[in-house]
Amino acid sequence: MKRIFLIAALICSSIIVLQSCSPKTTAAGAVSAKRGDVTGNWVVNNITFEGIPDIAIKSFLGESSYKCFIGSTWSLTNSGNGSYSLPASSTCAAKTQAIFWSVSPADGTFQYKQIFEGDKAKNVTSGYRLALASADDNMMVIKSPIEYGGRTAYVVLNFTKAAK
């Protein structure tokens, strides 16, 4: 009986040692960005597409068109409160939307909830989870995954840091 416990202890110890020495991995394309890397004022200067034609996108992030987000400004405070403002265009009305946002370095995501008049963030159960592809002092890239043709495609929002 002592031999069985000794063998089990050796196997468990070996597994722990091997697992601690293995490289740490994250989700595909995940970035180890922190809240501080994303905090600030940002402008969506360009939207591109990976694995999907732009004409296949009928609505985007609760708006009638992805084009509504081109030129939008995002204010992301360190507290998690924030907002984005959509500019007026021929297809979109000007709009400012309050949000509550966060970054998850573990899975490389940027997520936010839309907060409407009288709402508290803790009571809002729906929102958007996007892949944070990159973030630095001047640029940020966030990808919105979309199922297209049996594969995951992306709408890619390219941000630049707004002047202070």
N, C-alpha and C. Protein backbone atom coordinates (compact mmCIF):
# COMPACT_ATOMS: atom_id res chain seq x y z
N MET A 1 0.81 -1.18 0.00
CA MET A 1 0.00 0.00 0.00
C MET A 1 0.86 1.26 0.00
N LYS A 2 1.97 1.22 0.77
CA LYS A 2 2.88 2.35 0.81
C LYS A 2 3.46 2.61 -0.57
N ARG A 3 3.74 1.55 -1.33
CA ARG A 3 4.30 1.70 -2.68
C ARG A 3 3.32 2.42 -3.59
N ILE A 4 2.04 2.12 -3.50
CA ILE A 4 1.03 2.76 -4.34
C ILE A 4 1.00 4.26 -4.04
N PHE A 5 1.01 4.63 -2.76
CA PHE A 5 1.00 6.04 -2.40
C PHE A 5 2.29 6.73 -2.86
N LEU A 6 3.42 6.06 -2.74
CA LEU A 6 4.69 6.62 -3.18
C LEU A 6 4.69 6.84 -4.69
N ILE A 7 4.21 5.88 -5.44
CA ILE A 7 4.14 6.00 -6.90
C ILE A 7 3.18 7.13 -7.29
N ALA A 8 2.02 7.20 -6.64
CA ALA A 8 1.04 8.26 -6.93
C ALA A 8 1.64 9.64 -6.62
N ALA A 9 2.37 9.74 -5.49
CA ALA A 9 2.99 11.01 -5.13
C ALA A 9 4.05 11.42 -6.15
N LEU A 10 4.84 10.47 -6.63
CA LEU A 10 5.86 10.76 -7.65
C LEU A 10 5.22 11.21 -8.95
N ILE A 11 4.16 10.54 -9.37
CA ILE A 11 3.48 10.92 -10.61
C ILE A 11 2.90 12.33 -10.49
N CYS A 12 2.23 12.62 -9.38
CA CYS A 12 1.66 13.96 -9.17
C CYS A 12 2.75 15.03 -9.16
N SER A 13 3.85 14.74 -8.49
CA SER A 13 4.96 15.69 -8.44
C SER A 13 5.53 15.94 -9.84
N SER A 14 5.66 14.88 -10.61
CA SER A 14 6.19 15.01 -11.97
C SER A 14 5.27 15.86 -12.83
N ILE A 15 3.98 15.63 -12.72
CA ILE A 15 3.01 16.41 -13.50
C ILE A 15 3.08 17.88 -13.13
N ILE A 16 3.16 18.18 -11.85
CA ILE A 16 3.23 19.58 -11.41
C ILE A 16 4.48 20.24 -11.94
N VAL A 17 5.62 19.56 -11.87
CA VAL A 17 6.88 20.12 -12.36
C VAL A 17 6.81 20.34 -13.87
N LEU A 18 6.31 19.38 -14.61
CA LEU A 18 6.23 19.52 -16.07
C LEU A 18 5.27 20.64 -16.47
N GLN A 19 4.15 20.76 -15.78
CA GLN A 19 3.19 21.79 -16.11
C GLN A 19 3.75 23.18 -15.79
N SER A 20 4.48 23.33 -14.73
CA SER A 20 5.02 24.63 -14.36
C SER A 20 6.13 25.06 -15.31
N CYS A 21 6.75 24.12 -15.99
CA CYS A 21 7.81 24.44 -16.93
C CYS A 21 7.30 24.67 -18.35
N SER A 22 6.03 24.34 -18.62
CA SER A 22 5.51 24.51 -19.97
C SER A 22 5.24 25.98 -20.25
N PRO A 23 5.34 26.40 -21.54
CA PRO A 23 5.10 27.81 -21.86
C PRO A 23 3.65 28.19 -21.63
N LYS A 24 3.44 29.42 -21.20
CA LYS A 24 2.09 29.92 -20.97
C LYS A 24 1.50 30.34 -22.31
N THR A 25 0.25 29.95 -22.55
CA THR A 25 -0.40 30.30 -23.81
C THR A 25 -1.67 31.07 -23.52
N THR A 26 -2.09 31.86 -24.51
CA THR A 26 -3.34 32.59 -24.43
C THR A 26 -4.13 32.29 -25.68
N ALA A 27 -5.31 32.85 -25.77
CA ALA A 27 -6.16 32.65 -26.94
C ALA A 27 -5.46 33.16 -28.19
N ALA A 28 -5.81 32.59 -29.34
CA ALA A 28 -5.19 32.99 -30.59
C ALA A 28 -5.31 34.49 -30.79
N GLY A 29 -4.20 35.15 -31.03
CA GLY A 29 -4.19 36.58 -31.27
C GLY A 29 -4.35 37.42 -30.02
N ALA A 30 -4.35 36.78 -28.86
CA ALA A 30 -4.55 37.52 -27.62
C ALA A 30 -3.34 38.37 -27.29
N VAL A 31 -3.59 39.48 -26.67
CA VAL A 31 -2.56 40.42 -26.28
C VAL A 31 -2.59 40.54 -24.77
N SER A 32 -1.44 40.64 -24.16
CA SER A 32 -1.42 40.78 -22.71
C SER A 32 -1.48 42.27 -22.34
N ALA A 33 -2.55 42.93 -22.76
CA ALA A 33 -2.74 44.35 -22.46
C ALA A 33 -3.46 44.48 -21.13
N LYS A 34 -3.17 45.58 -20.46
CA LYS A 34 -3.80 45.89 -19.20
C LYS A 34 -4.74 47.07 -19.39
N ARG A 35 -5.55 47.33 -18.37
CA ARG A 35 -6.48 48.45 -18.41
C ARG A 35 -5.76 49.76 -18.75
N GLY A 36 -4.59 49.97 -18.17
CA GLY A 36 -3.84 51.20 -18.41
C GLY A 36 -3.41 51.39 -19.86
N ASP A 37 -3.26 50.29 -20.61
CA ASP A 37 -2.89 50.39 -22.02
C ASP A 37 -4.04 50.88 -22.88
N VAL A 38 -5.25 50.70 -22.39
CA VAL A 38 -6.45 51.02 -23.16
C VAL A 38 -7.09 52.34 -22.70
N THR A 39 -6.81 52.72 -21.46
CA THR A 39 -7.39 53.95 -20.91
C THR A 39 -6.97 55.16 -21.74
N GLY A 40 -7.91 56.04 -21.98
CA GLY A 40 -7.61 57.28 -22.70
C GLY A 40 -8.70 57.61 -23.71
N ASN A 41 -8.39 58.55 -24.58
CA ASN A 41 -9.32 58.96 -25.63
C ASN A 41 -8.82 58.44 -26.97
N TRP A 42 -9.70 57.78 -27.69
CA TRP A 42 -9.34 57.10 -28.93
C TRP A 42 -10.28 57.50 -30.05
N VAL A 43 -9.79 57.42 -31.28
CA VAL A 43 -10.60 57.70 -32.47
C VAL A 43 -10.49 56.49 -33.40
N VAL A 44 -11.64 56.00 -33.89
CA VAL A 44 -11.63 54.92 -34.88
C VAL A 44 -11.35 55.57 -36.23
N ASN A 45 -10.15 55.36 -36.74
CA ASN A 45 -9.78 56.00 -38.00
C ASN A 45 -10.00 55.11 -39.22
N ASN A 46 -10.20 53.81 -38.99
CA ASN A 46 -10.32 52.89 -40.11
C ASN A 46 -10.97 51.60 -39.63
N ILE A 47 -11.77 50.99 -40.50
CA ILE A 47 -12.34 49.68 -40.21
C ILE A 47 -12.01 48.77 -41.40
N THR A 48 -11.43 47.61 -41.10
CA THR A 48 -11.07 46.65 -42.13
C THR A 48 -11.75 45.32 -41.83
N PHE A 49 -11.58 44.35 -42.72
CA PHE A 49 -12.27 43.07 -42.59
C PHE A 49 -11.30 41.93 -42.84
N GLU A 50 -11.42 40.88 -42.03
CA GLU A 50 -10.62 39.67 -42.20
C GLU A 50 -11.56 38.49 -42.40
N GLY A 51 -11.53 37.91 -43.59
CA GLY A 51 -12.31 36.72 -43.86
C GLY A 51 -13.77 36.95 -44.15
N ILE A 52 -14.14 38.19 -44.41
CA ILE A 52 -15.54 38.53 -44.69
C ILE A 52 -15.58 39.78 -45.56
N PRO A 53 -16.45 39.81 -46.59
CA PRO A 53 -16.57 41.04 -47.37
C PRO A 53 -17.41 42.08 -46.61
N ASP A 54 -17.09 43.34 -46.79
CA ASP A 54 -17.79 44.39 -46.05
C ASP A 54 -19.29 44.42 -46.35
N ILE A 55 -19.69 44.01 -47.54
CA ILE A 55 -21.12 44.03 -47.88
C ILE A 55 -21.92 42.98 -47.10
N ALA A 56 -21.25 42.04 -46.47
CA ALA A 56 -21.93 41.01 -45.68
C ALA A 56 -22.32 41.52 -44.30
N ILE A 57 -21.80 42.66 -43.89
CA ILE A 57 -22.08 43.22 -42.56
C ILE A 57 -23.30 44.12 -42.67
N LYS A 58 -24.43 43.66 -42.14
CA LYS A 58 -25.67 44.43 -42.22
C LYS A 58 -25.81 45.40 -41.05
N SER A 59 -25.50 44.96 -39.85
CA SER A 59 -25.50 45.83 -38.68
C SER A 59 -24.26 45.48 -37.86
N PHE A 60 -23.89 46.40 -36.96
CA PHE A 60 -22.63 46.18 -36.24
C PHE A 60 -22.71 46.83 -34.87
N LEU A 61 -22.43 46.06 -33.83
CA LEU A 61 -22.39 46.53 -32.44
C LEU A 61 -23.63 47.36 -32.09
N GLY A 62 -24.78 46.89 -32.54
CA GLY A 62 -26.04 47.55 -32.21
C GLY A 62 -26.40 48.74 -33.08
N GLU A 63 -25.57 49.04 -34.06
CA GLU A 63 -25.87 50.15 -34.97
C GLU A 63 -26.26 49.61 -36.34
N SER A 64 -26.86 50.44 -37.16
CA SER A 64 -27.36 49.99 -38.46
C SER A 64 -26.25 49.67 -39.45
N SER A 65 -25.05 50.21 -39.24
CA SER A 65 -23.95 49.97 -40.16
C SER A 65 -22.62 50.10 -39.43
N TYR A 66 -21.62 49.34 -39.89
CA TYR A 66 -20.27 49.49 -39.33
C TYR A 66 -19.73 50.88 -39.65
N LYS A 67 -20.21 51.49 -40.71
CA LYS A 67 -19.72 52.81 -41.13
C LYS A 67 -20.01 53.89 -40.09
N CYS A 68 -21.02 53.65 -39.23
CA CYS A 68 -21.33 54.60 -38.16
C CYS A 68 -20.15 54.79 -37.22
N PHE A 69 -19.29 53.78 -37.10
CA PHE A 69 -18.18 53.84 -36.16
C PHE A 69 -16.93 54.52 -36.72
N ILE A 70 -16.86 54.72 -38.02
CA ILE A 70 -15.70 55.39 -38.60
C ILE A 70 -15.71 56.85 -38.15
N GLY A 71 -14.63 57.28 -37.52
CA GLY A 71 -14.54 58.64 -36.98
C GLY A 71 -15.11 58.77 -35.58
N SER A 72 -15.60 57.69 -35.01
CA SER A 72 -16.15 57.76 -33.65
C SER A 72 -15.03 57.99 -32.64
N THR A 73 -15.38 58.65 -31.55
CA THR A 73 -14.41 58.90 -30.48
C THR A 73 -14.84 58.10 -29.25
N TRP A 74 -13.85 57.47 -28.62
CA TRP A 74 -14.09 56.63 -27.46
C TRP A 74 -13.32 57.22 -26.28
N SER A 75 -14.01 57.46 -25.19
CA SER A 75 -13.39 57.94 -23.96
C SER A 75 -13.46 56.81 -22.94
N LEU A 76 -12.30 56.27 -22.57
CA LEU A 76 -12.22 55.12 -21.67
C LEU A 76 -11.45 55.52 -20.42
N THR A 77 -12.16 55.70 -19.31
CA THR A 77 -11.51 56.11 -18.07
C THR A 77 -11.00 54.88 -17.32
N ASN A 78 -10.09 55.10 -16.42
CA ASN A 78 -9.50 54.00 -15.65
C ASN A 78 -10.52 53.32 -14.74
N SER A 79 -11.60 54.00 -14.42
CA SER A 79 -12.62 53.43 -13.53
C SER A 79 -13.50 52.40 -14.23
N GLY A 80 -13.42 52.34 -15.57
CA GLY A 80 -14.27 51.44 -16.33
C GLY A 80 -15.47 52.15 -16.95
N ASN A 81 -15.73 53.36 -16.48
CA ASN A 81 -16.79 54.15 -17.10
C ASN A 81 -16.24 54.73 -18.39
N GLY A 82 -17.10 54.94 -19.34
CA GLY A 82 -16.65 55.52 -20.60
C GLY A 82 -17.82 55.85 -21.49
N SER A 83 -17.50 56.22 -22.71
CA SER A 83 -18.53 56.54 -23.70
C SER A 83 -17.90 56.48 -25.08
N TYR A 84 -18.77 56.37 -26.07
CA TYR A 84 -18.32 56.58 -27.44
C TYR A 84 -19.32 57.50 -28.12
N SER A 85 -18.81 58.32 -29.03
CA SER A 85 -19.64 59.26 -29.76
C SER A 85 -19.52 58.96 -31.24
N LEU A 86 -20.67 58.72 -31.87
CA LEU A 86 -20.71 58.46 -33.31
C LEU A 86 -20.96 59.76 -34.04
N PRO A 87 -20.21 60.05 -35.09
CA PRO A 87 -20.44 61.28 -35.85
C PRO A 87 -21.67 61.14 -36.76
N ALA A 88 -22.30 62.25 -37.07
CA ALA A 88 -23.42 62.23 -38.01
C ALA A 88 -22.90 61.97 -39.42
N SER A 89 -23.64 61.17 -40.18
CA SER A 89 -23.29 60.91 -41.57
C SER A 89 -24.59 60.73 -42.36
N SER A 90 -24.46 60.43 -43.62
CA SER A 90 -25.66 60.26 -44.45
C SER A 90 -26.49 59.05 -44.04
N THR A 91 -25.86 58.07 -43.39
CA THR A 91 -26.58 56.86 -42.98
C THR A 91 -26.75 56.71 -41.47
N CYS A 92 -26.09 57.56 -40.68
CA CYS A 92 -26.12 57.41 -39.22
C CYS A 92 -26.36 58.75 -38.55
N ALA A 93 -27.13 58.73 -37.48
CA ALA A 93 -27.36 59.92 -36.67
C ALA A 93 -26.23 60.05 -35.65
N ALA A 94 -25.92 61.27 -35.29
CA ALA A 94 -24.93 61.50 -34.24
C ALA A 94 -25.49 60.93 -32.94
N LYS A 95 -24.61 60.33 -32.16
CA LYS A 95 -25.07 59.66 -30.94
C LYS A 95 -23.91 59.55 -29.96
N THR A 96 -24.18 59.73 -28.70
CA THR A 96 -23.21 59.46 -27.64
C THR A 96 -23.80 58.38 -26.76
N GLN A 97 -23.01 57.34 -26.53
CA GLN A 97 -23.46 56.18 -25.77
C GLN A 97 -22.56 55.96 -24.57
N ALA A 98 -23.13 55.93 -23.37
CA ALA A 98 -22.37 55.61 -22.15
C ALA A 98 -22.10 54.11 -22.14
N ILE A 99 -20.91 53.73 -21.67
CA ILE A 99 -20.54 52.32 -21.59
C ILE A 99 -19.82 52.04 -20.28
N PHE A 100 -19.76 50.78 -19.93
CA PHE A 100 -18.89 50.31 -18.86
C PHE A 100 -18.01 49.24 -19.49
N TRP A 101 -16.70 49.40 -19.41
CA TRP A 101 -15.78 48.55 -20.15
C TRP A 101 -14.75 47.90 -19.24
N SER A 102 -14.12 46.86 -19.78
CA SER A 102 -13.02 46.21 -19.07
C SER A 102 -12.14 45.48 -20.08
N VAL A 103 -10.95 45.13 -19.62
CA VAL A 103 -9.99 44.35 -20.41
C VAL A 103 -9.68 43.10 -19.62
N SER A 104 -9.64 41.97 -20.31
CA SER A 104 -9.28 40.72 -19.66
C SER A 104 -7.96 40.24 -20.26
N PRO A 105 -6.83 40.46 -19.57
CA PRO A 105 -5.55 40.01 -20.10
C PRO A 105 -5.48 38.49 -20.25
N ALA A 106 -6.22 37.76 -19.45
CA ALA A 106 -6.17 36.29 -19.48
C ALA A 106 -6.59 35.75 -20.84
N ASP A 107 -7.63 36.33 -21.43
CA ASP A 107 -8.06 35.84 -22.74
C ASP A 107 -7.95 36.89 -23.84
N GLY A 108 -7.31 38.02 -23.56
CA GLY A 108 -7.06 39.04 -24.57
C GLY A 108 -8.32 39.67 -25.12
N THR A 109 -9.27 40.00 -24.24
CA THR A 109 -10.51 40.59 -24.72
C THR A 109 -10.74 41.99 -24.16
N PHE A 110 -11.48 42.75 -24.93
CA PHE A 110 -12.01 44.04 -24.54
C PHE A 110 -13.52 43.86 -24.56
N GLN A 111 -14.16 44.13 -23.44
CA GLN A 111 -15.61 43.97 -23.41
C GLN A 111 -16.26 45.24 -22.87
N TYR A 112 -17.48 45.48 -23.35
CA TYR A 112 -18.21 46.62 -22.82
C TYR A 112 -19.71 46.37 -22.84
N LYS A 113 -20.39 47.09 -21.95
CA LYS A 113 -21.84 47.08 -21.85
C LYS A 113 -22.33 48.48 -22.17
N GLN A 114 -23.41 48.58 -22.90
CA GLN A 114 -24.04 49.88 -23.12
C GLN A 114 -24.88 50.20 -21.89
N ILE A 115 -24.71 51.41 -21.37
CA ILE A 115 -25.43 51.85 -20.19
C ILE A 115 -26.41 52.95 -20.61
N PHE A 116 -27.68 52.69 -20.34
CA PHE A 116 -28.71 53.65 -20.69
C PHE A 116 -29.18 54.39 -19.44
N GLU A 117 -29.88 55.48 -19.62
CA GLU A 117 -30.37 56.32 -18.53
C GLU A 117 -31.01 55.45 -17.45
N GLY A 118 -30.56 55.61 -16.21
CA GLY A 118 -31.12 54.89 -15.08
C GLY A 118 -30.53 53.51 -14.84
N ASP A 119 -29.72 52.99 -15.79
CA ASP A 119 -29.10 51.68 -15.63
C ASP A 119 -27.88 51.76 -14.71
N LYS A 120 -27.62 50.67 -14.04
CA LYS A 120 -26.36 50.50 -13.31
C LYS A 120 -25.62 49.38 -14.01
N ALA A 121 -24.32 49.52 -14.18
CA ALA A 121 -23.52 48.54 -14.92
C ALA A 121 -23.69 47.13 -14.36
N LYS A 122 -23.77 47.00 -13.05
CA LYS A 122 -23.88 45.67 -12.45
C LYS A 122 -25.19 44.97 -12.79
N ASN A 123 -26.21 45.73 -13.20
CA ASN A 123 -27.50 45.15 -13.54
C ASN A 123 -27.65 44.86 -15.03
N VAL A 124 -26.71 45.32 -15.85
CA VAL A 124 -26.77 45.08 -17.29
C VAL A 124 -26.09 43.75 -17.58
N THR A 125 -26.81 42.83 -18.19
CA THR A 125 -26.28 41.48 -18.41
C THR A 125 -25.84 41.23 -19.85
N SER A 126 -26.09 42.14 -20.75
CA SER A 126 -25.67 41.93 -22.14
C SER A 126 -24.62 42.96 -22.52
N GLY A 127 -23.82 42.60 -23.50
CA GLY A 127 -22.76 43.50 -23.95
C GLY A 127 -22.01 42.89 -25.11
N TYR A 128 -20.81 43.38 -25.35
CA TYR A 128 -20.00 42.95 -26.47
C TYR A 128 -18.63 42.52 -25.97
N ARG A 129 -18.15 41.39 -26.48
CA ARG A 129 -16.82 40.88 -26.16
C ARG A 129 -16.03 40.84 -27.46
N LEU A 130 -14.95 41.62 -27.51
CA LEU A 130 -14.14 41.76 -28.71
C LEU A 130 -12.71 41.33 -28.40
N ALA A 131 -11.99 40.90 -29.43
CA ALA A 131 -10.60 40.50 -29.25
C ALA A 131 -9.71 41.74 -29.29
N LEU A 132 -8.88 41.90 -28.28
CA LEU A 132 -7.93 43.01 -28.24
C LEU A 132 -6.65 42.54 -28.93
N ALA A 133 -6.48 42.95 -30.20
CA ALA A 133 -5.35 42.46 -30.99
C ALA A 133 -4.05 43.16 -30.64
N SER A 134 -4.10 44.46 -30.36
CA SER A 134 -2.91 45.19 -29.95
C SER A 134 -3.30 46.51 -29.30
N ALA A 135 -2.42 46.99 -28.44
CA ALA A 135 -2.63 48.28 -27.78
C ALA A 135 -1.29 48.81 -27.32
N ASP A 136 -1.01 50.06 -27.66
CA ASP A 136 0.18 50.73 -27.16
C ASP A 136 -0.15 52.20 -26.92
N ASP A 137 0.85 53.04 -26.78
CA ASP A 137 0.62 54.45 -26.46
C ASP A 137 -0.09 55.22 -27.56
N ASN A 138 -0.02 54.75 -28.81
CA ASN A 138 -0.56 55.52 -29.92
C ASN A 138 -1.66 54.83 -30.72
N MET A 139 -1.67 53.49 -30.72
CA MET A 139 -2.62 52.76 -31.55
C MET A 139 -3.23 51.59 -30.78
N MET A 140 -4.43 51.23 -31.20
CA MET A 140 -5.11 50.08 -30.62
C MET A 140 -5.90 49.41 -31.74
N VAL A 141 -5.91 48.09 -31.74
CA VAL A 141 -6.67 47.32 -32.72
C VAL A 141 -7.57 46.35 -31.97
N ILE A 142 -8.87 46.45 -32.24
CA ILE A 142 -9.86 45.59 -31.62
C ILE A 142 -10.62 44.88 -32.72
N LYS A 143 -10.78 43.56 -32.58
CA LYS A 143 -11.44 42.74 -33.60
C LYS A 143 -12.76 42.20 -33.07
N SER A 144 -13.81 42.37 -33.87
CA SER A 144 -15.11 41.82 -33.52
C SER A 144 -15.32 40.52 -34.27
N PRO A 145 -15.37 39.39 -33.57
CA PRO A 145 -15.55 38.11 -34.26
C PRO A 145 -16.99 37.96 -34.78
N ILE A 146 -17.09 37.46 -36.01
CA ILE A 146 -18.38 37.24 -36.64
C ILE A 146 -18.33 35.88 -37.33
N GLU A 147 -19.37 35.10 -37.16
CA GLU A 147 -19.46 33.79 -37.83
C GLU A 147 -19.84 34.04 -39.28
N TYR A 148 -19.01 33.55 -40.21
CA TYR A 148 -19.27 33.75 -41.64
C TYR A 148 -18.77 32.53 -42.41
N GLY A 149 -19.65 31.90 -43.12
CA GLY A 149 -19.28 30.74 -43.93
C GLY A 149 -18.72 29.59 -43.11
N GLY A 150 -19.24 29.40 -41.90
CA GLY A 150 -18.77 28.32 -41.05
C GLY A 150 -17.43 28.58 -40.38
N ARG A 151 -16.91 29.79 -40.52
CA ARG A 151 -15.63 30.16 -39.90
C ARG A 151 -15.80 31.46 -39.12
N THR A 152 -14.83 31.75 -38.31
CA THR A 152 -14.83 33.02 -37.61
C THR A 152 -14.09 34.05 -38.45
N ALA A 153 -14.79 35.12 -38.78
CA ALA A 153 -14.21 36.25 -39.50
C ALA A 153 -14.18 37.43 -38.53
N TYR A 154 -13.55 38.52 -38.93
CA TYR A 154 -13.42 39.66 -38.02
C TYR A 154 -13.69 40.98 -38.73
N VAL A 155 -14.38 41.87 -37.99
CA VAL A 155 -14.46 43.28 -38.34
C VAL A 155 -13.41 43.93 -37.45
N VAL A 156 -12.46 44.63 -38.05
CA VAL A 156 -11.30 45.15 -37.32
C VAL A 156 -11.40 46.66 -37.17
N LEU A 157 -11.46 47.12 -35.93
CA LEU A 157 -11.49 48.56 -35.64
C LEU A 157 -10.07 49.00 -35.32
N ASN A 158 -9.59 49.97 -36.08
CA ASN A 158 -8.25 50.52 -35.90
C ASN A 158 -8.37 51.88 -35.25
N PHE A 159 -7.82 52.01 -34.04
CA PHE A 159 -7.90 53.23 -33.26
C PHE A 159 -6.56 53.95 -33.25
N THR A 160 -6.62 55.27 -33.15
CA THR A 160 -5.43 56.07 -32.85
C THR A 160 -5.74 56.89 -31.60
N LYS A 161 -4.72 57.15 -30.82
CA LYS A 161 -4.90 57.93 -29.60
C LYS A 161 -5.23 59.37 -29.98
N ALA A 162 -6.25 59.92 -29.36
CA ALA A 162 -6.64 61.29 -29.63
C ALA A 162 -5.68 62.24 -28.91
N ALA A 163 -5.48 63.39 -29.51
CA ALA A 163 -4.61 64.41 -28.88
C ALA A 163 -5.26 64.87 -27.59
N LYS A 164 -4.44 65.15 -26.60
CA LYS A 164 -4.95 65.55 -25.28
C LYS A 164 -5.47 66.95 -25.29
